[in-house]
Amino acid sequence: MKIHTGVMVFAEQKAGVISPISYELLGKGREIADKLGAELSCVLLGNQIEDEAQELIYYGADKVFLYDCPAFKGFDLLNYKHNIVKLAKEVQPDVFLLGATHLGRSLAPRIAVALSAGLAADCIGLDVDRDGNLIYIRPAFSGDILAHMTINTSPQMSTIRYRVMTMRARDAGRSGEIIKKDAELVPSLITILGNEKADEVNIVEANVIVAGGRGLKKAEDLTMLAHLANLLGGAVGVSRPLVDDGWAEKERQVGFSGNMVKPKLYIACGISGSPQHLAGMRGSDIIVAINTDPSAPIFRVVDYGIVGDLYDIIPQLTNVIKGR
């Protein structure tokens, strides 16, 4: 079996609060580290976040490398990358995991290039074979197949999608080491304060999603879905064709090549139900579909199916909810 030097997780935070995907990565990282007989560490950058560093230990980390600096109050891409690369060269982890978030997707390839490391992006699974090799699982060809890959560099890097890994239970009895590191700042040309665009579109954490597909006649009709979503306290999602046509942002896409979502309520409007789309939303608690085609594949996974024109049904449904 190969000798592994350790597993490292990038702990993403926003406004001083650890993002849920970081705890999911710790769950998988703990599992992988235990199988390899290796140590699990975290790197956390932020401002006045020492209490959050302790939480990472409660959720499975053995060590937390903490960069607590006013410059990291917002996301500074260049300085995040600079300090993480320096740490990775010092610690030399064999595996480095990041979330496939807007921040993680911006950061991971830059770190990988600086470390001459291989990067498996947007993975939905990780495993270890009998020889101690890590297997990275990710969708390919629009989700029609699942590719199983190995990486022959050190570190092996991967970005992992949100809500595909299991978070460990918080254990306040766990002990670990918080190692405070001095931030080394370099002149930054680009500073993304608060990642504002990501704030505007956050369907992954929505409890209700009203999603539109090819059944919509024009982009402006997405406002009809937005009215319903607002009444339900939810967000608007779309299928891939609407993103391809430029009707909606990539951040709203549901499916293997977009976002994996698990809302309490998912309302699919004019979506036929391709395999890659179904894979991204079939974990929803309650699924409602509206489609004029009674043989649409999406009806195979729904809790409630409505055969009809969304342009008739959505306004009626909106009015009923308004009346309540």
C-alpha atoms as a PDB file:
ATOM      1  CA  MET A   1       0.000   0.000   0.000  1.00  0.00           C
ATOM      2  CA  LYS A   2       1.193   3.488  -0.772  1.00  0.00           C
ATOM      3  CA  ILE A   3       2.355   5.683   2.091  1.00  0.00           C
ATOM      4  CA  HIS A   4       0.201   8.811   2.285  1.00  0.00           C
ATOM      5  CA  THR A   5       1.375  11.989   3.963  1.00  0.00           C
ATOM      6  CA  GLY A   6      -2.076  13.287   4.773  1.00  0.00           C
ATOM      7  CA  VAL A   7      -5.396  14.597   3.545  1.00  0.00           C
ATOM      8  CA  MET A   8      -6.023  18.347   3.523  1.00  0.00           C
ATOM      9  CA  VAL A   9      -9.387  20.097   3.195  1.00  0.00           C
ATOM     10  CA  PHE A  10      -9.912  23.729   2.260  1.00  0.00           C
ATOM     11  CA  ALA A  11     -12.469  25.062   4.750  1.00  0.00           C
ATOM     12  CA  GLU A  12     -14.518  27.697   2.968  1.00  0.00           C
ATOM     13  CA  GLN A  13     -16.075  30.435   5.062  1.00  0.00           C
ATOM     14  CA  LYS A  14     -18.225  33.432   4.396  1.00  0.00           C
ATOM     15  CA  ALA A  15     -18.699  36.373   6.752  1.00  0.00           C
ATOM     16  CA  GLY A  16     -16.952  34.354   9.460  1.00  0.00           C
ATOM     17  CA  VAL A  17     -19.212  31.298   9.163  1.00  0.00           C
ATOM     18  CA  ILE A  18     -18.002  27.952   7.822  1.00  0.00           C
ATOM     19  CA  SER A  19     -19.842  26.871   4.680  1.00  0.00           C
ATOM     20  CA  PRO A  20     -21.751  23.566   5.046  1.00  0.00           C
ATOM     21  CA  ILE A  21     -19.806  21.984   2.170  1.00  0.00           C
ATOM     22  CA  SER A  22     -16.650  22.232   4.296  1.00  0.00           C
ATOM     23  CA  TYR A  23     -18.189  19.936   6.911  1.00  0.00           C
ATOM     24  CA  GLU A  24     -19.218  17.503   4.173  1.00  0.00           C
ATOM     25  CA  LEU A  25     -15.645  17.455   2.882  1.00  0.00           C
ATOM     26  CA  LEU A  26     -14.405  16.781   6.405  1.00  0.00           C
ATOM     27  CA  GLY A  27     -16.746  13.794   6.606  1.00  0.00           C
ATOM     28  CA  LYS A  28     -15.338  12.265   3.432  1.00  0.00           C
ATOM     29  CA  GLY A  29     -11.806  13.424   4.283  1.00  0.00           C
ATOM     30  CA  ARG A  30     -12.000  11.670   7.662  1.00  0.00           C
ATOM     31  CA  GLU A  31     -13.154   8.479   5.969  1.00  0.00           C
ATOM     32  CA  ILE A  32     -10.347   8.616   3.387  1.00  0.00           C
ATOM     33  CA  ALA A  33      -7.693   9.523   5.963  1.00  0.00           C
ATOM     34  CA  ASP A  34      -8.721   6.606   8.191  1.00  0.00           C
ATOM     35  CA  LYS A  35      -8.534   4.159   5.287  1.00  0.00           C
ATOM     36  CA  LEU A  36      -5.083   5.432   4.388  1.00  0.00           C
ATOM     37  CA  GLY A  37      -3.829   5.668   7.953  1.00  0.00           C
ATOM     38  CA  ALA A  38      -3.135   9.343   7.346  1.00  0.00           C
ATOM     39  CA  GLU A  39      -3.763  12.636   9.131  1.00  0.00           C
ATOM     40  CA  LEU A  40      -6.645  14.960   8.235  1.00  0.00           C
ATOM     41  CA  SER A  41      -5.917  18.679   8.248  1.00  0.00           C
ATOM     42  CA  CYS A  42      -7.807  21.840   7.265  1.00  0.00           C
ATOM     43  CA  VAL A  43      -6.722  25.216   6.006  1.00  0.00           C
ATOM     44  CA  LEU A  44      -8.948  28.116   7.055  1.00  0.00           C
ATOM     45  CA  LEU A  45      -8.510  31.734   5.997  1.00  0.00           C
ATOM     46  CA  GLY A  46     -10.627  34.556   7.396  1.00  0.00           C
ATOM     47  CA  ASN A  47     -10.881  37.304   9.988  1.00  0.00           C
ATOM     48  CA  GLN A  48     -11.697  36.696  13.677  1.00  0.00           C
ATOM     49  CA  ILE A  49     -12.583  33.066  13.035  1.00  0.00           C
ATOM     50  CA  GLU A  50     -10.690  31.121  15.696  1.00  0.00           C
ATOM     51  CA  ASP A  51     -13.948  29.779  17.153  1.00  0.00           C
ATOM     52  CA  GLU A  52     -14.825  28.394  13.731  1.00  0.00           C
ATOM     53  CA  ALA A  53     -11.442  26.661  13.581  1.00  0.00           C
ATOM     54  CA  GLN A  54     -12.389  24.717  16.694  1.00  0.00           C
ATOM     55  CA  GLU A  55     -15.614  23.598  14.996  1.00  0.00           C
ATOM     56  CA  LEU A  56     -13.553  22.006  12.229  1.00  0.00           C
ATOM     57  CA  ILE A  57     -11.877  19.813  14.840  1.00  0.00           C
ATOM     58  CA  TYR A  58     -15.259  18.820  16.264  1.00  0.00           C
ATOM     59  CA  TYR A  59     -16.245  17.695  12.769  1.00  0.00           C
ATOM     60  CA  GLY A  60     -13.199  15.519  12.179  1.00  0.00           C
ATOM     61  CA  ALA A  61     -10.004  17.517  11.570  1.00  0.00           C
ATOM     62  CA  ASP A  62      -6.792  16.566  13.385  1.00  0.00           C
ATOM     63  CA  LYS A  63      -5.121  19.895  12.617  1.00  0.00           C
ATOM     64  CA  VAL A  64      -6.384  23.280  11.461  1.00  0.00           C
ATOM     65  CA  PHE A  65      -3.981  25.719   9.835  1.00  0.00           C
ATOM     66  CA  LEU A  66      -5.520  29.087  10.652  1.00  0.00           C
ATOM     67  CA  TYR A  67      -4.816  32.318   8.773  1.00  0.00           C
ATOM     68  CA  ASP A  68      -6.639  34.976  10.788  1.00  0.00           C
ATOM     69  CA  CYS A  69      -6.057  38.293   9.046  1.00  0.00           C
ATOM     70  CA  PRO A  70      -8.185  41.412   8.305  1.00  0.00           C
ATOM     71  CA  ALA A  71      -7.191  41.068   4.646  1.00  0.00           C
ATOM     72  CA  PHE A  72      -9.159  37.800   4.529  1.00  0.00           C
ATOM     73  CA  LYS A  73     -12.448  39.303   5.670  1.00  0.00           C
ATOM     74  CA  GLY A  74     -13.507  39.045   2.030  1.00  0.00           C
ATOM     75  CA  PHE A  75     -12.377  36.582  -0.612  1.00  0.00           C
ATOM     76  CA  ASP A  76      -9.074  37.758  -2.060  1.00  0.00           C
ATOM     77  CA  LEU A  77      -8.344  35.244  -4.807  1.00  0.00           C
ATOM     78  CA  LEU A  78      -4.670  36.035  -5.281  1.00  0.00           C
ATOM     79  CA  ASN A  79      -3.783  36.073  -1.585  1.00  0.00           C
ATOM     80  CA  TYR A  80      -5.842  32.979  -0.797  1.00  0.00           C
ATOM     81  CA  LYS A  81      -3.993  31.110  -3.538  1.00  0.00           C
ATOM     82  CA  HIS A  82      -0.581  32.470  -2.524  1.00  0.00           C
ATOM     83  CA  ASN A  83      -0.879  31.382   1.119  1.00  0.00           C
ATOM     84  CA  ILE A  84      -2.461  28.013   0.405  1.00  0.00           C
ATOM     85  CA  VAL A  85       0.214  27.134  -2.141  1.00  0.00           C
ATOM     86  CA  LYS A  86       2.922  28.099   0.353  1.00  0.00           C
ATOM     87  CA  LEU A  87       1.281  25.918   3.030  1.00  0.00           C
ATOM     88  CA  ALA A  88       0.835  22.954   0.687  1.00  0.00           C
ATOM     89  CA  LYS A  89       4.529  23.067  -0.210  1.00  0.00           C
ATOM     90  CA  GLU A  90       5.378  23.117   3.493  1.00  0.00           C
ATOM     91  CA  VAL A  91       2.984  20.390   4.667  1.00  0.00           C
ATOM     92  CA  GLN A  92       3.027  18.320   1.444  1.00  0.00           C
ATOM     93  CA  PRO A  93      -0.394  16.636   1.737  1.00  0.00           C
ATOM     94  CA  ASP A  94      -0.982  13.753  -0.619  1.00  0.00           C
ATOM     95  CA  VAL A  95      -4.667  14.647  -1.095  1.00  0.00           C
ATOM     96  CA  PHE A  96      -6.222  18.117  -1.199  1.00  0.00           C
ATOM     97  CA  LEU A  97     -10.006  18.559  -1.353  1.00  0.00           C
ATOM     98  CA  LEU A  98     -12.003  21.717  -2.084  1.00  0.00           C
ATOM     99  CA  GLY A  99     -15.705  22.365  -2.570  1.00  0.00           C
ATOM    100  CA  ALA A 100     -16.996  22.764  -6.116  1.00  0.00           C
ATOM    101  CA  THR A 101     -18.442  26.167  -5.226  1.00  0.00           C
ATOM    102  CA  HIS A 102     -17.921  29.453  -7.043  1.00  0.00           C
ATOM    103  CA  LEU A 103     -15.004  30.149  -4.730  1.00  0.00           C
ATOM    104  CA  GLY A 104     -13.573  26.636  -4.904  1.00  0.00           C
ATOM    105  CA  ARG A 105     -13.826  26.466  -8.675  1.00  0.00           C
ATOM    106  CA  SER A 106     -11.924  29.738  -8.927  1.00  0.00           C
ATOM    107  CA  LEU A 107      -9.258  28.713  -6.457  1.00  0.00           C
ATOM    108  CA  ALA A 108      -8.585  25.034  -7.204  1.00  0.00           C
ATOM    109  CA  PRO A 109      -7.161  25.272 -10.743  1.00  0.00           C
ATOM    110  CA  ARG A 110      -4.845  28.115  -9.741  1.00  0.00           C
ATOM    111  CA  ILE A 111      -3.489  26.099  -6.821  1.00  0.00           C
ATOM    112  CA  ALA A 112      -3.159  23.015  -9.007  1.00  0.00           C
ATOM    113  CA  VAL A 113      -1.098  24.868 -11.613  1.00  0.00           C
ATOM    114  CA  ALA A 114       1.169  26.374  -8.958  1.00  0.00           C
ATOM    115  CA  LEU A 115       1.779  22.929  -7.433  1.00  0.00           C
ATOM    116  CA  SER A 116       1.985  21.085 -10.796  1.00  0.00           C
ATOM    117  CA  ALA A 117      -0.799  18.909  -9.447  1.00  0.00           C
ATOM    118  CA  GLY A 118      -3.544  16.935 -11.144  1.00  0.00           C
ATOM    119  CA  LEU A 119      -7.091  18.132 -10.508  1.00  0.00           C
ATOM    120  CA  ALA A 120     -10.303  16.109 -10.796  1.00  0.00           C
ATOM    121  CA  ALA A 121     -13.103  18.677 -10.964  1.00  0.00           C
ATOM    122  CA  ASP A 122     -16.752  18.442  -9.904  1.00  0.00           C
ATOM    123  CA  CYS A 123     -16.486  14.968  -8.383  1.00  0.00           C
ATOM    124  CA  ILE A 124     -19.481  13.233  -6.835  1.00  0.00           C
ATOM    125  CA  GLY A 125     -17.590  10.371  -5.219  1.00  0.00           C
ATOM    126  CA  LEU A 126     -14.226   9.312  -3.772  1.00  0.00           C
ATOM    127  CA  ASP A 127     -13.007   5.829  -2.961  1.00  0.00           C
ATOM    128  CA  VAL A 128      -9.815   3.961  -2.121  1.00  0.00           C
ATOM    129  CA  ASP A 129      -8.761   0.753  -3.855  1.00  0.00           C
ATOM    130  CA  ARG A 130      -6.918  -2.152  -2.224  1.00  0.00           C
ATOM    131  CA  ASP A 131      -3.534  -0.662  -3.135  1.00  0.00           C
ATOM    132  CA  GLY A 132      -4.282   2.649  -1.445  1.00  0.00           C
ATOM    133  CA  ASN A 133      -4.940   4.527  -4.678  1.00  0.00           C
ATOM    134  CA  LEU A 134      -7.686   7.128  -4.602  1.00  0.00           C
ATOM    135  CA  ILE A 135     -10.460   6.780  -7.153  1.00  0.00           C
ATOM    136  CA  TYR A 136     -12.199   9.993  -8.203  1.00  0.00           C
ATOM    137  CA  ILE A 137     -15.728   9.688  -9.599  1.00  0.00           C
ATOM    138  CA  ARG A 138     -17.266  12.388 -11.733  1.00  0.00           C
ATOM    139  CA  PRO A 139     -19.990  12.632 -14.405  1.00  0.00           C
ATOM    140  CA  ALA A 140     -18.923  12.825 -18.028  1.00  0.00           C
ATOM    141  CA  PHE A 141     -20.670  13.326 -21.374  1.00  0.00           C
ATOM    142  CA  SER A 142     -23.476  15.363 -19.803  1.00  0.00           C
ATOM    143  CA  GLY A 143     -23.881  12.822 -17.038  1.00  0.00           C
ATOM    144  CA  ASP A 144     -24.484   9.874 -19.366  1.00  0.00           C
ATOM    145  CA  ILE A 145     -21.565   8.018 -17.774  1.00  0.00           C
ATOM    146  CA  LEU A 146     -19.590   8.156 -14.540  1.00  0.00           C
ATOM    147  CA  ALA A 147     -15.842   8.367 -15.046  1.00  0.00           C
ATOM    148  CA  HIS A 148     -13.538   6.693 -12.497  1.00  0.00           C
ATOM    149  CA  MET A 149     -10.107   8.319 -12.461  1.00  0.00           C
ATOM    150  CA  THR A 150      -6.794   8.178 -10.640  1.00  0.00           C
ATOM    151  CA  ILE A 151      -4.269  11.012 -10.318  1.00  0.00           C
ATOM    152  CA  ASN A 152      -0.539  10.358 -10.417  1.00  0.00           C
ATOM    153  CA  THR A 153       0.655  13.600  -8.846  1.00  0.00           C
ATOM    154  CA  SER A 154       1.175  14.783  -5.298  1.00  0.00           C
ATOM    155  CA  PRO A 155      -0.949  16.326  -4.104  1.00  0.00           C
ATOM    156  CA  GLN A 156      -3.960  14.765  -5.757  1.00  0.00           C
ATOM    157  CA  MET A 157      -6.502  17.560  -5.958  1.00  0.00           C
ATOM    158  CA  SER A 158     -10.253  17.429  -6.348  1.00  0.00           C
ATOM    159  CA  THR A 159     -13.266  19.707  -6.137  1.00  0.00           C
ATOM    160  CA  ILE A 160     -16.343  18.001  -4.690  1.00  0.00           C
ATOM    161  CA  ARG A 161     -19.937  18.955  -5.319  1.00  0.00           C
ATOM    162  CA  TYR A 162     -22.166  20.157  -2.514  1.00  0.00           C
ATOM    163  CA  ARG A 163     -24.621  17.709  -0.953  1.00  0.00           C
ATOM    164  CA  VAL A 164     -23.077  14.560  -2.353  1.00  0.00           C
ATOM    165  CA  MET A 165     -20.996  13.713   0.740  1.00  0.00           C
ATOM    166  CA  THR A 166     -22.208  12.991   4.271  1.00  0.00           C
ATOM    167  CA  MET A 167     -21.427  15.335   7.137  1.00  0.00           C
ATOM    168  CA  ARG A 168     -20.176  13.670  10.335  1.00  0.00           C
ATOM    169  CA  ALA A 169     -21.934  14.253  13.616  1.00  0.00           C
ATOM    170  CA  ARG A 170     -20.407  17.064  15.672  1.00  0.00           C
ATOM    171  CA  ASP A 171     -18.264  15.654  18.468  1.00  0.00           C
ATOM    172  CA  ALA A 172     -17.412  18.320  21.047  1.00  0.00           C
ATOM    173  CA  GLY A 173     -15.146  15.796  22.770  1.00  0.00           C
ATOM    174  CA  ARG A 174     -12.694  15.592  19.869  1.00  0.00           C
ATOM    175  CA  SER A 175      -9.318  17.168  20.380  1.00  0.00           C
ATOM    176  CA  GLY A 176      -7.009  18.547  17.759  1.00  0.00           C
ATOM    177  CA  GLU A 177      -4.431  21.219  17.088  1.00  0.00           C
ATOM    178  CA  ILE A 178      -5.033  24.739  15.806  1.00  0.00           C
ATOM    179  CA  ILE A 179      -1.860  26.040  14.183  1.00  0.00           C
ATOM    180  CA  LYS A 180      -1.850  29.798  13.657  1.00  0.00           C
ATOM    181  CA  LYS A 181      -0.050  30.890  10.518  1.00  0.00           C
ATOM    182  CA  ASP A 182       1.113  34.353   9.536  1.00  0.00           C
ATOM    183  CA  ALA A 183      -0.484  35.576   6.329  1.00  0.00           C
ATOM    184  CA  GLU A 184       1.892  36.639   3.597  1.00  0.00           C
ATOM    185  CA  LEU A 185       0.154  39.274   1.489  1.00  0.00           C
ATOM    186  CA  VAL A 186       0.976  40.121  -2.089  1.00  0.00           C
ATOM    187  CA  PRO A 187      -0.461  42.996  -4.173  1.00  0.00           C
ATOM    188  CA  SER A 188      -3.903  41.889  -5.352  1.00  0.00           C
ATOM    189  CA  LEU A 189      -5.330  43.053  -8.655  1.00  0.00           C
ATOM    190  CA  ILE A 190      -8.727  41.435  -8.135  1.00  0.00           C
ATOM    191  CA  THR A 191     -10.672  41.283  -4.871  1.00  0.00           C
ATOM    192  CA  ILE A 192     -14.079  39.644  -4.870  1.00  0.00           C
ATOM    193  CA  LEU A 193     -15.712  41.004  -1.749  1.00  0.00           C
ATOM    194  CA  GLY A 194     -18.363  38.675  -0.452  1.00  0.00           C
ATOM    195  CA  ASN A 195     -18.668  36.857  -3.770  1.00  0.00           C
ATOM    196  CA  GLU A 196     -21.758  38.927  -4.527  1.00  0.00           C
ATOM    197  CA  LYS A 197     -22.818  37.128  -7.688  1.00  0.00           C
ATOM    198  CA  ALA A 198     -22.949  33.836  -5.832  1.00  0.00           C
ATOM    199  CA  ASP A 199     -25.195  35.424  -3.213  1.00  0.00           C
ATOM    200  CA  GLU A 200     -27.751  36.388  -5.819  1.00  0.00           C
ATOM    201  CA  VAL A 201     -28.171  32.812  -7.045  1.00  0.00           C
ATOM    202  CA  ASN A 202     -28.060  30.076  -4.409  1.00  0.00           C
ATOM    203  CA  ILE A 203     -30.371  27.264  -5.444  1.00  0.00           C
ATOM    204  CA  VAL A 204     -28.308  24.596  -3.690  1.00  0.00           C
ATOM    205  CA  GLU A 205     -29.441  25.717  -0.245  1.00  0.00           C
ATOM    206  CA  ALA A 206     -33.030  26.573  -1.249  1.00  0.00           C
ATOM    207  CA  ASN A 207     -35.800  24.593   0.441  1.00  0.00           C
ATOM    208  CA  VAL A 208     -38.118  25.246  -2.496  1.00  0.00           C
ATOM    209  CA  ILE A 209     -37.122  25.306  -6.171  1.00  0.00           C
ATOM    210  CA  VAL A 210     -39.380  26.181  -9.085  1.00  0.00           C
ATOM    211  CA  ALA A 211     -37.542  25.046 -12.209  1.00  0.00           C
ATOM    212  CA  GLY A 212     -38.228  25.748 -15.873  1.00  0.00           C
ATOM    213  CA  GLY A 213     -37.284  23.884 -19.015  1.00  0.00           C
ATOM    214  CA  ARG A 214     -37.951  23.686 -22.741  1.00  0.00           C
ATOM    215  CA  GLY A 215     -41.670  24.140 -22.132  1.00  0.00           C
ATOM    216  CA  LEU A 216     -41.070  27.862 -21.637  1.00  0.00           C
ATOM    217  CA  LYS A 217     -41.606  29.866 -24.825  1.00  0.00           C
ATOM    218  CA  LYS A 218     -39.280  32.774 -24.071  1.00  0.00           C
ATOM    219  CA  ALA A 219     -36.776  33.884 -21.460  1.00  0.00           C
ATOM    220  CA  GLU A 220     -39.090  36.577 -20.092  1.00  0.00           C
ATOM    221  CA  ASP A 221     -41.496  33.852 -18.960  1.00  0.00           C
ATOM    222  CA  LEU A 222     -39.065  32.899 -16.213  1.00  0.00           C
ATOM    223  CA  THR A 223     -40.542  35.843 -14.284  1.00  0.00           C
ATOM    224  CA  MET A 224     -43.754  33.800 -13.987  1.00  0.00           C
ATOM    225  CA  LEU A 225     -41.797  31.078 -12.188  1.00  0.00           C
ATOM    226  CA  ALA A 226     -40.036  33.707 -10.080  1.00  0.00           C
ATOM    227  CA  HIS A 227     -43.391  35.026  -8.786  1.00  0.00           C
ATOM    228  CA  LEU A 228     -44.347  31.528  -7.646  1.00  0.00           C
ATOM    229  CA  ALA A 229     -40.917  30.877  -6.146  1.00  0.00           C
ATOM    230  CA  ASN A 230     -41.051  34.149  -4.196  1.00  0.00           C
ATOM    231  CA  LEU A 231     -44.448  33.277  -2.743  1.00  0.00           C
ATOM    232  CA  LEU A 232     -43.055  29.941  -1.571  1.00  0.00           C
ATOM    233  CA  GLY A 233     -39.842  31.459  -0.227  1.00  0.00           C
ATOM    234  CA  GLY A 234     -37.804  29.594  -2.812  1.00  0.00           C
ATOM    235  CA  ALA A 235     -35.552  30.053  -5.822  1.00  0.00           C
ATOM    236  CA  VAL A 236     -35.770  29.597  -9.586  1.00  0.00           C
ATOM    237  CA  GLY A 237     -33.833  26.786 -11.232  1.00  0.00           C
ATOM    238  CA  VAL A 238     -33.518  25.754 -14.873  1.00  0.00           C
ATOM    239  CA  SER A 239     -32.596  22.780 -17.000  1.00  0.00           C
ATOM    240  CA  ARG A 240     -29.443  22.818 -19.104  1.00  0.00           C
ATOM    241  CA  PRO A 241     -31.027  23.909 -22.429  1.00  0.00           C
ATOM    242  CA  LEU A 242     -32.068  27.240 -20.927  1.00  0.00           C
ATOM    243  CA  VAL A 243     -28.489  27.903 -19.817  1.00  0.00           C
ATOM    244  CA  ASP A 244     -27.173  26.872 -23.230  1.00  0.00           C
ATOM    245  CA  ASP A 245     -29.594  29.313 -24.860  1.00  0.00           C
ATOM    246  CA  GLY A 246     -28.447  32.120 -22.582  1.00  0.00           C
ATOM    247  CA  TRP A 247     -31.790  32.451 -20.789  1.00  0.00           C
ATOM    248  CA  ALA A 248     -30.341  31.907 -17.311  1.00  0.00           C
ATOM    249  CA  GLU A 249     -27.063  31.840 -15.437  1.00  0.00           C
ATOM    250  CA  LYS A 250     -25.087  28.623 -15.021  1.00  0.00           C
ATOM    251  CA  GLU A 251     -25.578  29.008 -11.256  1.00  0.00           C
ATOM    252  CA  ARG A 252     -29.279  28.193 -11.708  1.00  0.00           C
ATOM    253  CA  GLN A 253     -28.745  24.960 -13.630  1.00  0.00           C
ATOM    254  CA  VAL A 254     -29.945  21.745 -11.989  1.00  0.00           C
ATOM    255  CA  GLY A 255     -28.340  18.459 -13.021  1.00  0.00           C
ATOM    256  CA  PHE A 256     -25.063  16.565 -13.198  1.00  0.00           C
ATOM    257  CA  SER A 257     -23.423  19.349 -15.189  1.00  0.00           C
ATOM    258  CA  GLY A 258     -24.970  21.997 -12.937  1.00  0.00           C
ATOM    259  CA  ASN A 259     -26.038  21.757  -9.280  1.00  0.00           C
ATOM    260  CA  MET A 260     -27.124  18.775  -7.204  1.00  0.00           C
ATOM    261  CA  VAL A 261     -30.128  19.928  -5.175  1.00  0.00           C
ATOM    262  CA  LYS A 262     -32.232  18.404  -2.391  1.00  0.00           C
ATOM    263  CA  PRO A 263     -35.008  20.885  -1.579  1.00  0.00           C
ATOM    264  CA  LYS A 264     -38.107  20.033   0.402  1.00  0.00           C
ATOM    265  CA  LEU A 265     -40.202  20.901  -2.665  1.00  0.00           C
ATOM    266  CA  TYR A 266     -39.162  20.792  -6.326  1.00  0.00           C
ATOM    267  CA  ILE A 267     -41.617  22.017  -8.962  1.00  0.00           C
ATOM    268  CA  ALA A 268     -40.542  21.155 -12.516  1.00  0.00           C
ATOM    269  CA  CYS A 269     -42.297  23.256 -15.147  1.00  0.00           C
ATOM    270  CA  GLY A 270     -41.990  22.182 -18.772  1.00  0.00           C
ATOM    271  CA  ILE A 271     -39.037  19.883 -18.051  1.00  0.00           C
ATOM    272  CA  SER A 272     -39.116  16.539 -19.842  1.00  0.00           C
ATOM    273  CA  GLY A 273     -36.597  14.913 -17.506  1.00  0.00           C
ATOM    274  CA  SER A 274     -33.274  14.000 -19.113  1.00  0.00           C
ATOM    275  CA  PRO A 275     -31.122  11.542 -17.090  1.00  0.00           C
ATOM    276  CA  GLN A 276     -28.618  14.268 -16.160  1.00  0.00           C
ATOM    277  CA  HIS A 277     -31.391  16.553 -14.897  1.00  0.00           C
ATOM    278  CA  LEU A 278     -33.141  13.811 -12.932  1.00  0.00           C
ATOM    279  CA  ALA A 279     -29.861  12.882 -11.265  1.00  0.00           C
ATOM    280  CA  GLY A 280     -29.523  16.432  -9.996  1.00  0.00           C
ATOM    281  CA  MET A 281     -32.948  16.713  -8.336  1.00  0.00           C
ATOM    282  CA  ARG A 282     -34.382  13.258  -7.667  1.00  0.00           C
ATOM    283  CA  GLY A 283     -33.283  13.476  -4.014  1.00  0.00           C
ATOM    284  CA  SER A 284     -35.867  16.222  -3.383  1.00  0.00           C
ATOM    285  CA  ASP A 285     -38.388  15.445  -0.629  1.00  0.00           C
ATOM    286  CA  ILE A 286     -41.454  16.216  -2.777  1.00  0.00           C
ATOM    287  CA  ILE A 287     -41.372  16.501  -6.575  1.00  0.00           C
ATOM    288  CA  VAL A 288     -44.165  18.085  -8.600  1.00  0.00           C
ATOM    289  CA  ALA A 289     -44.034  18.110 -12.409  1.00  0.00           C
ATOM    290  CA  ILE A 290     -46.119  20.072 -14.907  1.00  0.00           C
ATOM    291  CA  ASN A 291     -45.847  18.934 -18.519  1.00  0.00           C
ATOM    292  CA  THR A 292     -48.109  18.634 -21.548  1.00  0.00           C
ATOM    293  CA  ASP A 293     -46.578  15.244 -22.453  1.00  0.00           C
ATOM    294  CA  PRO A 294     -47.998  12.423 -20.279  1.00  0.00           C
ATOM    295  CA  SER A 295     -45.102  10.168 -21.322  1.00  0.00           C
ATOM    296  CA  ALA A 296     -42.365  12.611 -20.221  1.00  0.00           C
ATOM    297  CA  PRO A 297     -39.637  10.755 -18.269  1.00  0.00           C
ATOM    298  CA  ILE A 298     -39.926  13.152 -15.345  1.00  0.00           C
ATOM    299  CA  PHE A 299     -43.312  11.678 -14.435  1.00  0.00           C
ATOM    300  CA  ARG A 300     -41.523   8.456 -13.428  1.00  0.00           C
ATOM    301  CA  VAL A 301     -39.905  10.120 -10.404  1.00  0.00           C
ATOM    302  CA  VAL A 302     -42.593  12.571  -9.244  1.00  0.00           C
ATOM    303  CA  ASP A 303     -44.833  12.532  -6.218  1.00  0.00           C
ATOM    304  CA  TYR A 304     -47.447  14.637  -8.025  1.00  0.00           C
ATOM    305  CA  GLY A 305     -47.743  14.912 -11.788  1.00  0.00           C
ATOM    306  CA  ILE A 306     -49.912  17.423 -13.637  1.00  0.00           C
ATOM    307  CA  VAL A 307     -50.504  16.895 -17.349  1.00  0.00           C
ATOM    308  CA  GLY A 308     -51.244  20.318 -18.733  1.00  0.00           C
ATOM    309  CA  ASP A 309     -49.949  23.633 -20.008  1.00  0.00           C
ATOM    310  CA  LEU A 310     -47.727  25.404 -17.497  1.00  0.00           C
ATOM    311  CA  TYR A 311     -49.025  28.739 -18.840  1.00  0.00           C
ATOM    312  CA  ASP A 312     -52.483  27.766 -17.531  1.00  0.00           C
ATOM    313  CA  ILE A 313     -51.425  25.961 -14.365  1.00  0.00           C
ATOM    314  CA  ILE A 314     -48.712  28.221 -12.920  1.00  0.00           C
ATOM    315  CA  PRO A 315     -50.948  31.354 -12.799  1.00  0.00           C
ATOM    316  CA  GLN A 316     -53.745  29.334 -11.181  1.00  0.00           C
ATOM    317  CA  LEU A 317     -51.355  27.867  -8.620  1.00  0.00           C
ATOM    318  CA  THR A 318     -49.925  31.320  -7.926  1.00  0.00           C
ATOM    319  CA  ASN A 319     -53.388  32.750  -7.323  1.00  0.00           C
ATOM    320  CA  VAL A 320     -54.340  29.921  -4.973  1.00  0.00           C
ATOM    321  CA  ILE A 321     -51.218  30.480  -2.881  1.00  0.00           C
ATOM    322  CA  LYS A 322     -51.809  34.237  -2.838  1.00  0.00           C
ATOM    323  CA  GLY A 323     -55.336  33.593  -1.571  1.00  0.00           C
ATOM    324  CA  ARG A 324     -53.966  31.669   1.386  1.00  0.00           C
END
